[in-house]
Protein backbone atom coordinates (compact mmCIF):
# COMPACT_ATOMS: atom_id res chain seq x y z
CA MET A 1 134.15 109.90 116.19
CA GLY A 2 133.27 109.00 112.78
CA ASP A 3 133.51 105.71 110.36
CA VAL A 4 136.98 105.76 109.16
CA TYR A 5 138.04 102.55 110.50
CA ALA A 6 134.99 101.15 108.47
CA THR A 7 136.85 101.12 105.25
CA ILE A 8 140.00 100.15 106.20
CA TYR A 9 139.20 96.46 106.25
CA THR A 10 142.88 94.12 106.13
CA MET A 11 146.09 94.39 107.71
CA ARG A 12 148.78 92.34 108.00
CA GLN A 13 150.03 92.03 111.53
CA SER A 14 153.36 91.89 110.61
CA GLU A 15 153.00 95.80 109.72
CA LEU A 16 150.52 96.20 113.23
CA PHE A 17 152.66 98.16 115.48
CA THR A 18 151.71 96.92 118.83
CA LYS A 19 152.79 93.55 120.07
CA THR A 20 151.07 91.00 122.59
CA GLN A 21 152.57 90.55 126.33
CA LYS A 22 152.81 87.00 127.64
CA GLU A 23 152.36 88.61 131.16
CA ALA A 24 149.43 90.65 132.79
CA PRO A 25 150.50 94.06 133.80
CA LYS A 26 151.52 94.08 137.49
CA ASP A 27 149.36 96.63 138.43
CA GLU A 28 146.37 96.19 136.94
CA MET A 29 143.96 93.85 138.75
CA ALA A 30 140.97 94.58 136.32
CA LYS A 31 140.70 91.52 133.95
CA ASN A 32 139.56 94.04 131.03
CA ALA A 33 142.33 95.96 131.55
CA GLN A 34 144.56 92.54 132.04
CA LEU A 35 143.55 91.51 128.64
CA LEU A 36 143.16 94.78 126.81
CA GLU A 37 146.84 95.51 127.57
CA ARG A 38 147.74 91.86 127.17
CA ALA A 39 146.48 91.98 123.60
CA GLY A 40 147.72 95.19 122.31
CA PHE A 41 144.28 97.02 122.43
CA ILE A 42 145.38 99.76 124.86
CA TYR A 43 148.05 101.41 126.89
CA LYS A 44 148.27 102.89 130.17
CA ASN A 45 149.47 106.22 130.20
CA MET A 46 148.62 106.63 133.95
CA ALA A 47 146.26 105.77 136.73
CA GLY A 48 142.86 106.35 134.90
CA VAL A 49 144.08 107.40 131.75
CA TYR A 50 144.34 105.03 128.26
CA SER A 51 145.69 105.42 124.75
CA PHE A 52 143.38 103.38 122.31
CA LEU A 53 146.05 101.52 119.61
CA PRO A 54 144.72 100.50 116.42
CA LEU A 55 143.08 97.41 117.51
CA GLY A 56 141.39 99.31 120.31
CA LEU A 57 140.55 101.79 118.54
CA ARG A 58 138.75 99.86 115.93
CA VAL A 59 136.48 98.39 118.98
CA LEU A 60 136.19 101.25 120.28
CA GLU A 61 134.62 102.95 116.90
CA LYS A 62 132.56 100.37 116.15
CA ILE A 63 130.57 100.41 119.66
CA VAL A 64 130.53 104.27 118.59
CA ASN A 65 128.81 103.69 115.76
CA ILE A 66 126.09 101.11 116.80
CA ILE A 67 125.03 103.63 119.76
CA ARG A 68 125.28 106.71 117.03
CA GLU A 69 122.91 104.65 114.80
CA GLU A 70 120.10 104.13 117.28
CA MET A 71 120.70 107.45 118.90
CA ASN A 72 119.46 108.61 115.07
CA ALA A 73 116.78 106.15 115.09
CA ILE A 74 115.10 108.18 117.68
CA GLY A 75 115.57 111.21 116.38
CA GLY A 76 119.02 112.42 117.49
CA GLN A 77 121.19 115.02 115.80
CA GLU A 78 124.94 115.22 116.59
CA LEU A 79 126.70 118.01 117.55
CA HIS A 80 130.34 118.81 119.55
CA LEU A 81 130.37 120.58 122.08
CA PRO A 82 134.08 122.40 123.64
CA SER A 83 135.46 120.65 127.19
CA LEU A 84 136.30 124.05 128.40
CA GLN A 85 133.85 125.80 129.95
CA LYS A 86 133.51 128.98 131.84
CA PRO A 87 132.78 129.24 135.29
CA GLU A 88 130.30 132.27 135.06
CA LEU A 89 127.94 129.91 133.24
CA TRP A 90 128.17 127.14 135.87
CA ALA A 91 127.88 129.45 138.62
CA LYS A 92 124.34 130.10 136.98
CA THR A 93 123.39 126.34 138.08
CA ASN A 94 125.39 127.08 141.09
CA ARG A 95 127.07 123.59 140.14
CA TRP A 96 130.99 125.71 139.59
CA ASN A 97 131.79 125.43 143.07
CA SER A 98 129.90 122.18 144.24
CA MET A 99 130.93 119.71 141.47
CA THR A 100 133.46 117.82 143.56
CA ASN A 101 135.16 116.41 140.80
CA TRP A 102 136.62 119.53 138.58
CA PHE A 103 139.38 119.35 136.71
CA THR A 104 140.44 123.16 136.68
CA THR A 105 143.01 125.30 134.88
CA LYS A 106 143.88 128.89 134.29
CA LEU A 107 144.36 131.09 131.18
CA LYS A 108 147.57 132.99 131.05
CA ALA A 109 145.66 136.43 132.36
CA GLY A 110 144.47 134.17 135.53
CA ALA A 111 140.63 133.31 134.49
CA GLU A 112 139.82 130.04 135.35
CA LEU A 113 138.17 127.49 133.46
CA GLY A 114 137.24 124.21 133.79
CA LEU A 115 137.83 120.99 131.83
CA ALA A 116 134.03 119.48 131.26
CA ALA A 117 132.77 116.47 133.41
CA THR A 118 129.30 116.63 131.94
CA HIS A 119 127.70 119.24 129.44
CA GLU A 120 124.07 120.32 130.40
CA GLU A 121 125.40 123.93 131.14
CA PRO A 122 126.68 124.70 127.95
CA ILE A 123 123.91 122.80 125.36
CA THR A 124 121.27 124.96 127.37
CA GLU A 125 123.14 128.03 126.88
CA ILE A 126 123.39 126.84 123.27
CA LEU A 127 119.26 126.06 122.65
CA SER A 128 118.56 129.09 124.51
CA HIS A 129 119.72 131.21 121.02
CA HIS A 130 117.53 128.48 118.99
CA ILE A 131 114.25 127.89 120.80
CA ASP A 132 111.54 130.73 121.02
CA SER A 133 107.88 129.06 120.34
CA TYR A 134 106.68 125.51 121.07
CA LYS A 135 107.48 125.06 117.16
CA ASP A 136 110.89 124.87 117.57
CA LEU A 137 110.74 121.64 120.09
CA PRO A 138 111.34 118.77 120.47
CA LYS A 139 114.51 118.73 120.43
CA TYR A 140 116.98 116.02 120.81
CA VAL A 141 120.90 116.79 120.70
CA TYR A 142 123.98 114.33 121.62
CA GLN A 143 127.72 114.14 121.64
CA PHE A 144 130.53 112.09 121.71
CA GLN A 145 133.16 113.81 123.62
CA THR A 146 135.92 113.68 125.71
CA LYS A 147 135.14 113.99 129.97
CA PHE A 148 136.91 114.80 132.61
CA ARG A 149 136.70 113.78 135.87
CA ASN A 150 138.96 114.02 138.94
CA GLU A 151 138.48 110.61 140.50
CA GLU A 152 139.65 110.27 144.10
CA ARG A 153 140.70 106.35 142.71
CA ALA A 154 141.03 105.92 139.37
CA LYS A 155 140.65 101.77 139.34
CA SER A 156 139.47 98.45 136.98
CA GLY A 157 141.04 99.20 133.62
CA LEU A 158 138.48 101.04 131.40
CA LEU A 159 135.64 100.70 133.77
CA ARG A 160 136.65 103.81 135.84
CA LEU A 161 138.37 106.80 134.35
CA ARG A 162 139.52 110.25 134.91
CA GLU A 163 139.47 110.72 131.18
CA PHE A 164 137.02 109.14 129.35
CA LEU A 165 134.65 109.35 125.92
CA MET A 166 130.92 109.75 127.00
CA LYS A 167 127.72 109.67 124.98
CA ASP A 168 125.55 112.52 126.37
CA LEU A 169 121.95 112.93 124.62
CA TYR A 170 120.04 115.54 125.99
CA SER A 171 116.15 116.59 125.28
CA PHE A 172 114.50 119.60 124.80
CA VAL A 173 110.41 118.87 125.45
CA LYS A 174 107.29 121.19 126.30
CA THR A 175 105.48 118.75 128.46
CA GLU A 176 106.07 116.13 131.04
CA LYS A 177 104.14 113.79 128.86
CA GLU A 178 106.50 114.60 125.76
CA GLN A 179 109.11 113.75 128.49
CA ASN A 180 107.98 110.54 129.50
CA GLU A 181 107.62 109.50 126.04
CA PHE A 182 110.91 110.27 124.97
CA TYR A 183 112.68 109.12 128.14
CA GLU A 184 110.84 105.12 127.44
CA LYS A 185 112.21 105.38 123.88
CA CYS A 186 115.82 106.65 125.01
CA ALA A 187 115.45 103.17 127.18
CA GLU A 188 114.27 100.95 124.74
CA ALA A 189 117.68 102.28 122.31
CA TYR A 190 119.58 101.95 124.91
CA TYR A 191 118.51 97.98 125.74
CA LYS A 192 119.31 97.98 121.58
CA ILE A 193 122.31 99.14 122.35
CA PHE A 194 123.45 96.27 124.87
CA ASN A 195 121.72 93.91 122.74
CA ARG A 196 124.03 94.69 119.52
CA VAL A 197 127.02 94.54 121.77
CA GLY A 198 126.56 91.16 123.21
CA LEU A 199 124.93 92.48 126.63
CA GLY A 200 121.64 92.39 126.30
CA ASP A 201 121.00 89.15 128.08
CA ARG A 202 122.86 90.80 131.56
CA THR A 203 122.11 94.17 131.40
CA TYR A 204 118.85 95.50 133.70
CA ARG A 205 117.12 98.52 134.21
CA THR A 206 118.45 99.40 137.35
CA PHE A 207 116.52 102.04 139.79
CA ALA A 208 119.12 104.67 141.28
CA SER A 209 119.23 108.00 143.02
CA GLY A 210 117.85 110.97 140.99
CA GLY A 211 120.30 112.87 142.83
CA GLU A 212 119.51 116.91 143.03
CA PHE A 213 117.32 116.27 139.58
CA SER A 214 114.71 114.02 140.49
CA LYS A 215 113.52 111.39 143.06
CA PHE A 216 114.67 108.76 140.61
CA SER A 217 116.76 107.77 137.59
CA ASP A 218 117.48 104.94 135.49
CA GLU A 219 120.87 102.91 135.14
CA PHE A 220 121.12 100.50 133.19
CA GLN A 221 123.38 97.94 135.12
CA THR A 222 125.14 94.83 133.83
CA LEU A 223 126.53 91.81 135.97
CA CYS A 224 129.75 91.23 136.59
CA ASP A 225 131.79 89.98 139.16
CA SER A 226 134.54 92.42 139.42
CA GLY A 227 131.74 95.33 139.31
CA GLU A 228 132.01 97.95 142.05
CA ASP A 229 127.76 98.37 142.14
CA THR A 230 125.59 96.28 144.22
CA ILE A 231 122.44 95.71 142.82
CA TYR A 232 118.91 94.20 143.95
CA LEU A 233 117.92 91.67 140.74
CA ASP A 234 114.55 90.78 140.15
CA GLU A 235 115.45 88.07 137.25
CA LYS A 236 111.31 87.16 136.83
CA ASN A 237 110.73 90.84 136.02
CA LYS A 238 114.17 91.65 134.58
CA VAL A 239 114.37 95.07 136.89
CA ALA A 240 116.78 95.80 139.57
CA VAL A 241 117.05 98.38 142.95
CA ASN A 242 120.64 100.13 143.26
CA ILE A 243 121.67 99.69 146.55
CA GLU A 244 121.59 103.43 147.38
CA VAL A 245 117.95 103.46 147.01
CA TYR A 246 117.40 99.66 148.91
CA ASN A 247 114.52 100.31 151.68
CA ASP A 248 111.16 98.94 152.62
CA GLU A 249 109.63 102.00 151.67
CA VAL A 250 111.38 102.11 148.15
CA LEU A 251 110.41 98.86 147.52
CA LYS A 252 106.69 99.17 148.09
CA GLU A 253 106.63 101.76 145.98
CA LEU A 254 108.07 100.39 143.06
CA GLY A 255 106.10 97.06 144.04
CA LEU A 256 108.62 94.55 144.59
CA ASP A 257 109.23 91.81 147.38
CA LYS A 258 112.74 91.20 148.76
CA LYS A 259 111.84 87.73 148.47
CA ASP A 260 112.57 88.11 144.85
CA LEU A 261 115.25 90.01 145.26
CA LYS A 262 119.27 88.36 144.57
CA GLU A 263 122.23 90.73 145.67
CA LYS A 264 124.26 91.02 142.40
CA LYS A 265 127.97 93.08 141.48
CA ALA A 266 127.48 94.80 138.67
CA VAL A 267 128.73 97.38 136.07
CA GLU A 268 127.03 101.06 135.35
CA VAL A 269 126.85 101.13 131.40
CA GLY A 270 124.39 103.97 131.36
CA ASN A 271 122.16 106.07 132.80
CA ILE A 272 119.01 108.49 132.04
CA PHE A 273 117.95 111.66 134.05
CA LYS A 274 114.44 113.80 133.82
CA LEU A 275 116.23 116.65 134.55
CA GLY A 276 112.97 118.72 134.34
CA THR A 277 113.57 122.35 134.55
CA ARG A 278 116.60 122.48 136.87
CA PHE A 279 118.65 124.10 133.89
CA SER A 280 116.48 125.26 131.50
CA GLU A 281 114.89 128.29 134.24
CA PRO A 282 118.61 129.60 135.14
CA LEU A 283 120.21 129.75 132.18
CA GLY A 284 117.11 131.58 130.85
CA LEU A 285 115.53 128.67 128.46
CA THR A 286 111.90 129.27 127.51
CA PHE A 287 109.98 129.17 124.97
CA LYS A 288 105.98 130.38 124.64
CA ASP A 289 103.23 128.09 123.91
CA GLU A 290 100.17 127.81 121.79
CA ASP A 291 98.89 130.75 124.08
CA GLY A 292 101.80 132.97 124.16
CA VAL A 293 102.65 132.06 127.54
CA GLU A 294 106.05 131.72 128.80
CA LYS A 295 107.23 128.63 130.02
CA PRO A 296 110.38 127.00 130.74
CA VAL A 297 111.42 123.84 128.89
CA ILE A 298 111.79 120.59 130.33
CA MET A 299 114.87 118.22 129.80
CA GLY A 300 116.42 114.99 130.14
CA SER A 301 120.04 113.73 130.17
CA TYR A 302 120.65 110.26 128.54
CA GLY A 303 124.71 109.28 128.94
CA ILE A 304 127.04 106.09 128.02
CA GLY A 305 130.32 105.54 127.98
CA PRO A 306 131.60 104.09 124.91
CA GLY A 307 134.99 102.90 126.71
CA ARG A 308 133.23 101.44 129.60
CA LEU A 309 131.17 99.35 127.53
CA MET A 310 133.99 97.66 125.79
CA GLY A 311 135.66 97.31 129.25
CA THR A 312 132.79 95.65 130.52
CA ILE A 313 132.18 93.20 126.84
CA VAL A 314 135.65 91.94 127.65
CA GLU A 315 134.75 91.47 131.31
CA ASN A 316 132.17 89.32 130.45
CA HIS A 317 133.15 88.01 126.97
CA ASN A 318 136.31 85.92 127.96
CA ASP A 319 137.87 83.01 128.85
CA GLU A 320 141.21 81.74 129.91
CA ASN A 321 143.29 82.29 126.98
CA GLY A 322 141.92 85.90 126.25
CA ILE A 323 139.31 88.02 125.19
CA ILE A 324 135.81 86.47 123.13
CA TRP A 325 134.86 89.64 121.21
CA PRO A 326 131.01 89.49 119.68
CA LYS A 327 130.81 89.93 115.85
CA SER A 328 129.38 93.27 116.00
CA ILE A 329 132.47 95.03 117.42
CA ALA A 330 135.19 92.69 116.75
CA PRO A 331 138.16 94.47 115.35
CA PHE A 332 138.44 92.22 112.64
CA ALA A 333 136.31 89.28 111.27
CA VAL A 334 138.64 86.79 110.27
CA HIS A 335 142.04 85.90 112.08
CA LEU A 336 143.58 84.18 108.77
CA ILE A 337 147.29 82.58 110.30
CA SER A 338 149.86 80.84 107.42
CA LEU A 339 151.92 78.42 108.74
CA GLY A 340 155.17 77.27 107.39
CA VAL A 341 156.62 78.96 103.89
CA GLU A 342 155.05 76.32 101.95
CA ALA A 343 151.79 78.23 102.79
CA LYS A 344 152.42 81.91 102.41
CA GLU A 345 151.58 81.59 98.53
CA LYS A 346 148.22 80.36 98.99
CA SER A 347 147.62 82.49 102.23
CA ASP A 348 148.72 85.99 100.14
CA ASP A 349 146.29 84.93 97.58
CA ILE A 350 143.48 84.21 100.50
CA TYR A 351 144.13 87.41 101.95
CA ASP A 352 144.61 89.62 98.12
CA ALA A 353 140.77 88.31 97.84
CA PHE A 354 139.02 88.65 101.32
CA GLU A 355 140.66 92.33 100.71
CA LYS A 356 138.82 92.70 97.03
CA ALA A 357 135.76 91.21 98.53
CA LYS A 358 135.96 94.10 101.36
CA VAL A 359 135.93 90.84 104.13
CA GLU A 360 137.82 92.08 107.96
CA VAL A 361 141.07 90.24 108.33
CA LEU A 362 144.00 90.38 110.65
CA TYR A 363 146.63 88.65 108.58
CA ASP A 364 149.33 86.52 110.59
CA ASP A 365 152.02 86.74 107.71
CA ARG A 366 154.63 86.77 110.54
CA GLU A 367 157.74 84.62 109.67
CA ASP A 368 159.31 84.84 112.93
CA LYS A 369 156.78 82.97 115.03
CA THR A 370 156.08 79.32 115.52
CA ALA A 371 152.31 77.78 115.49
CA GLY A 372 151.71 77.53 119.14
CA GLU A 373 152.79 81.60 119.21
CA LYS A 374 150.67 82.39 116.78
CA PHE A 375 147.69 80.42 117.86
CA ALA A 376 148.22 81.82 121.50
CA ASP A 377 147.81 85.13 120.12
CA ALA A 378 144.77 84.80 117.83
CA ASP A 379 143.49 83.26 121.10
CA LEU A 380 144.13 86.22 123.45
CA ILE A 381 143.04 89.09 120.34
CA GLY A 382 139.95 86.94 120.67
CA ILE A 383 138.53 87.53 116.44
CA PRO A 384 135.44 85.87 116.17
CA LEU A 385 136.78 83.17 112.98
CA ARG A 386 139.99 81.94 113.08
CA ILE A 387 141.37 80.51 109.49
CA VAL A 388 144.71 78.46 108.99
CA VAL A 389 146.13 77.98 105.85
CA SER A 390 149.53 74.86 106.49
CA LYS A 391 150.93 72.29 104.48
CA LYS A 392 148.44 69.95 105.71
CA THR A 393 145.57 71.64 104.87
CA LEU A 394 146.22 71.92 101.37
CA GLU A 395 147.34 68.57 100.67
CA LYS A 396 143.46 68.69 100.65
CA ASP A 397 142.91 71.42 99.24
CA SER A 398 141.20 73.01 102.12
CA VAL A 399 142.08 75.66 105.36
CA GLU A 400 140.99 75.02 108.81
CA VAL A 401 138.55 77.24 110.24
CA LYS A 402 137.65 77.56 113.53
CA ASN A 403 135.24 79.86 115.77
CA ARG A 404 136.81 81.50 118.80
CA SER A 405 134.39 80.40 121.02
CA SER A 406 134.31 76.43 119.76
CA LYS A 407 136.82 73.94 121.02
CA ASP A 408 136.16 72.27 117.45
CA ALA A 409 137.98 73.36 114.19
CA LYS A 410 137.06 72.04 110.68
CA LEU A 411 138.13 72.00 107.02
CA ILE A 412 136.42 73.83 104.37
CA LYS A 413 137.41 73.65 101.16
CA ILE A 414 139.44 76.78 99.73
CA LYS A 415 136.95 77.51 96.59
CA ASP A 416 134.33 77.88 99.50
CA ILE A 417 135.90 80.08 101.81
CA ASN A 418 134.31 83.52 100.60
CA SER A 419 130.99 82.02 101.00
CA TYR A 420 131.52 80.64 104.10
CA VAL A 421 132.91 83.60 105.65
CA ARG A 422 129.89 85.62 104.76
């Protein structure tokens, strides 16, 4: 996904093809789905499958770009892998028949293919053609790619999907020491991401099962009343344990005391795994060390779902009137609202000035909506700053400004708007 929306700064609401809804969809129980559908950010095509509409895509793109910046900062190189997967490759790692959530399809000639739920096998195969020597390592590659998982029960809006966007990064190194160093570097990058999207104060590194790969993996869990995961949180040390590994033996190993832990509901917004040589050995990914000895490459895997992150943000940033977007990922920085025919000419001028100054602004120029309807839509959509132009404000050569997270509004002189917004 590119940076295309960063160059589109302004939009007239009269031209926006999506519309808001007064009532939440009856088949949606999750707050994120209710609000995002009502506000026109997403459309539910079927259970576990959503379309991202113009406002929603702007938010998704901003989340993606934040993740991209932090992955690039730790040496990641972006690529793009195919969704279609050949069974011969996955058979080498004994995962073709053991994957419980495959979507599979067939070619017209009858050959079976899979729709990728993850990409360890294909990326390892590619690297095996580009790594020969210790001089070729380390390498860190990542992508934003659509994943398909045959979830038995797709629910909770964007929190559990059958088709979704995933950032998956894979590390390829020579030694366990290098692996551990990059693992911690990636964990720090994840904290930076969660801080930038407004979840840093509610997201905790959580010990979880490593599955077939290692004893433990690390999840990043965001506290959320509607979360599907249960964690036990040590608030003082800012670390948590997933219920799946919550037992006396694990707590002792981690140096945690039960009396310091509080049970919380949470949403997993990211995870990191040490893969070791689980994939490199069966797929022939090796390198020659300084002495010419051939060794398997050591790998790691690091995932974040941008759509799930978007849903989690909405679950944590809302009130009784709608969404409250953090500034860093809001679809627009300003919601400009024109009230009455007397305000239209000046509102148009302000909109044009914002456009020239490259301020991201959604302009509610609709003439068939009342002031109450416009204010309700603005609260529902959740853009950080609302600017109202009306006959009353113009009498004082001013506009009314209000932060979405505040109840109080104030007047700002029209001549000072641009500097105020900056």
